[in-house]
Protein backbone atom coordinates (compact mmCIF):
# COMPACT_ATOMS: atom_id res chain seq x y z
CA MET A 1 11.40 6.55 7.62
CA SER A 2 7.62 6.58 8.09
CA THR A 3 5.22 4.24 6.46
CA SER A 4 3.98 7.02 4.21
CA ASP A 5 7.56 7.74 3.07
CA LYS A 6 7.92 4.02 2.17
CA VAL A 7 4.56 4.05 0.30
CA LYS A 8 5.87 7.21 -1.60
CA ALA A 9 9.07 5.40 -2.42
CA LEU A 10 7.08 2.37 -3.83
CA LEU A 11 5.06 4.73 -5.93
CA ARG A 12 8.20 6.33 -7.32
CA LEU A 13 9.90 3.02 -8.03
CA SER A 14 6.75 1.67 -9.77
CA GLY A 15 6.30 4.95 -11.78
CA LYS A 16 2.83 5.35 -10.38
CA LYS A 17 1.25 8.54 -8.88
CA GLN A 18 -0.58 9.17 -5.59
CA THR A 19 -3.62 10.26 -7.49
CA GLU A 20 -3.70 6.81 -9.19
CA LEU A 21 -3.30 5.10 -5.83
CA ALA A 22 -6.26 7.17 -4.49
CA ALA A 23 -8.38 6.03 -7.39
CA TYR A 24 -7.31 2.41 -6.80
CA PHE A 25 -8.46 2.69 -3.21
CA GLY A 26 -11.66 4.37 -4.29
CA ILE A 27 -11.02 7.53 -2.36
CA SER A 28 -10.46 11.24 -3.33
CA SER A 29 -6.92 12.54 -3.75
CA GLN A 30 -7.56 14.68 -0.68
CA SER A 31 -8.44 11.68 1.40
CA MET A 32 -5.22 9.95 0.26
CA ASN A 33 -3.20 13.04 1.05
CA ASN A 34 -4.73 13.05 4.53
CA LYS A 35 -3.88 9.27 4.93
CA MET A 36 -0.25 10.10 3.88
CA ASN A 37 -0.01 13.10 6.25
CA ARG A 38 -1.44 11.17 9.22
CA ASP A 39 0.65 8.09 8.31
CA SER A 40 -2.48 5.94 8.99
CA TRP A 41 -2.01 2.67 7.22
CA SER A 42 -3.75 -0.62 8.12
CA SER A 43 -2.27 -3.92 7.12
CA ARG A 44 -5.01 -4.21 4.55
CA ASP A 45 -4.05 -0.79 3.10
CA LEU A 46 -0.41 -1.94 2.74
CA LEU A 47 -1.57 -5.14 1.04
CA THR A 48 -3.60 -2.93 -1.32
CA VAL A 49 -0.54 -0.70 -2.04
CA ALA A 50 1.57 -3.78 -2.71
CA GLU A 51 -0.98 -5.23 -5.16
CA PHE A 52 -1.27 -1.70 -6.85
CA VAL A 53 2.47 -1.45 -7.39
CA GLY A 54 2.89 -5.16 -8.38
CA CYS A 55 4.83 -6.37 -5.41
CA GLN A 56 4.33 -8.56 -2.34
CA LEU A 57 4.19 -7.78 1.37
CA ALA A 58 6.33 -10.25 3.14
CA PHE A 59 8.03 -11.08 6.45
CA VAL A 60 11.68 -12.22 5.68
CA PHE A 61 13.57 -14.29 8.22
CA PRO A 62 17.35 -13.99 8.73
CA ASP A 63 17.74 -17.41 6.97
CA GLY A 64 15.97 -16.03 3.88
CA SER A 65 12.66 -17.89 4.43
CA ARG A 66 9.68 -15.71 4.03
CA ILE A 67 5.99 -15.55 4.65
CA THR A 68 4.14 -13.43 2.05
CA MET A 69 0.74 -11.85 2.52
CA ASP A 70 -1.87 -11.34 -0.16
CA LEU A 71 -5.30 -9.72 -0.27
CA ASP A 72 -8.26 -12.07 0.15
CA LYS A 73 -9.85 -11.72 -3.28
CA THR A 74 -13.35 -12.38 -1.73
CA GLU A 75 -13.22 -9.08 0.24
CA GLU A 76 -13.80 -5.66 -1.15
CA ALA A 77 -10.88 -3.19 -1.42
CA PRO A 78 -10.63 -0.80 1.51
CA SER A 79 -12.15 2.71 1.39
CA GLN A 80 -11.76 5.43 3.90
């Protein structure tokens, strides 16, 4: 499953639309569609998606311990 497929699944699970995600990123719907089709996601993009859908991006170890990542609130949201 591609990263874009996972982003689409997150959108479905959260009841949000791709057009809303584009607006959150500050880009056009066409630019978001291109990002999805090219499967071009930076780590910062994924953190922004997580924030948008209300979840966390995390590394989970076999023992259950985890390291979560959050957006640095002092930086601006990505735009592409």
